Amino acid sequence: MRLLGPDQNWNDAPELGSSAMVADQDTDNLMRIHKGLRATRKPGVTLARYQESRIRHFHATPDAYMAAGSNKA
């Protein structure tokens, strides 16, 4: 097992191979996204129209089923 420090890149773990490059890019993107989320005054996240609305529906459906089930008790 290799432990990386907070300032190390995933490329510092050669056992990850080419996956390390993808992880480095994702980590960099997440830091930018997190910074952008903190920069806005609006609470929450605004989802895009089509694809992300499908994600919203995916999460809302089980919530509706669970809410309906708890009302029967």
Protein backbone atom coordinates (compact mmCIF):
# COMPACT_ATOMS: atom_id res chain seq x y z
CA MET A 1 0.00 0.00 0.00
CA ARG A 2 1.28 3.43 -0.91
CA LEU A 3 0.08 6.49 0.96
CA LEU A 4 0.26 9.82 -0.82
CA GLY A 5 0.57 13.13 0.95
CA PRO A 6 -1.87 15.99 0.37
CA ASP A 7 0.57 17.76 -1.99
CA GLN A 8 1.46 14.69 -4.04
CA ASN A 9 0.02 13.83 -7.43
CA TRP A 10 -1.51 10.48 -8.31
CA ASN A 11 1.36 10.11 -10.80
CA ASP A 12 3.63 9.64 -7.78
CA ALA A 13 2.10 6.16 -7.46
CA PRO A 14 3.48 4.29 -10.52
CA GLU A 15 1.40 1.21 -9.69
CA LEU A 16 -1.69 3.10 -10.91
CA GLY A 17 -0.29 3.27 -14.44
CA SER A 18 -2.17 5.51 -16.87
CA SER A 19 -5.10 5.74 -14.42
CA ALA A 20 -3.02 8.16 -12.37
CA MET A 21 -3.24 10.80 -15.11
CA VAL A 22 -7.05 10.57 -15.14
CA ALA A 23 -7.19 10.81 -11.34
CA ASP A 24 -4.92 13.89 -11.41
CA GLN A 25 -7.20 15.59 -13.95
CA ASP A 26 -10.33 14.72 -11.97
CA THR A 27 -8.80 15.98 -8.73
CA ASP A 28 -7.80 19.25 -10.38
CA ASN A 29 -11.30 19.70 -11.84
CA LEU A 30 -12.97 18.96 -8.49
CA MET A 31 -10.90 21.64 -6.77
CA ARG A 32 -12.02 24.20 -9.38
CA ILE A 33 -15.66 23.11 -9.07
CA HIS A 34 -15.51 23.35 -5.28
CA LYS A 35 -14.01 26.83 -5.50
CA GLY A 36 -16.77 27.88 -7.91
CA LEU A 37 -19.50 26.53 -5.65
CA ARG A 38 -18.18 28.57 -2.74
CA ALA A 39 -18.00 31.72 -4.90
CA THR A 40 -21.75 31.97 -5.48
CA ARG A 41 -24.26 33.45 -3.05
CA LYS A 42 -27.05 31.20 -4.30
CA PRO A 43 -27.55 28.13 -2.10
CA GLY A 44 -27.42 24.72 -3.73
CA VAL A 45 -26.47 23.65 -7.23
CA THR A 46 -28.33 24.47 -10.44
CA LEU A 47 -28.61 21.41 -12.64
CA ALA A 48 -28.53 21.58 -16.43
CA ARG A 49 -31.66 20.85 -18.42
CA TYR A 50 -31.63 17.35 -19.88
CA GLN A 51 -28.94 15.04 -18.54
CA GLU A 52 -28.82 16.45 -15.04
CA SER A 53 -32.61 16.63 -14.84
CA ARG A 54 -32.55 12.86 -15.33
CA ILE A 55 -30.24 12.60 -12.30
CA ARG A 56 -32.62 14.81 -10.29
CA HIS A 57 -35.55 12.55 -11.29
CA PHE A 58 -33.49 9.44 -10.43
CA HIS A 59 -33.02 10.73 -6.87
CA ALA A 60 -36.55 12.11 -6.50
CA THR A 61 -38.25 8.82 -7.42
CA PRO A 62 -36.97 6.73 -4.47
CA ASP A 63 -37.60 9.71 -2.17
CA ALA A 64 -41.25 9.76 -3.29
CA TYR A 65 -41.62 6.01 -2.77
CA MET A 66 -40.09 6.20 0.70
CA ALA A 67 -42.29 9.17 1.64
CA ALA A 68 -45.40 7.31 0.46
CA GLY A 69 -44.38 4.23 2.43
CA SER A 70 -43.88 6.21 5.64
CA ASN A 71 -47.37 7.74 5.31
CA LYS A 72 -48.97 4.28 5.53
CA ALA A 73 -47.77 3.70 9.07
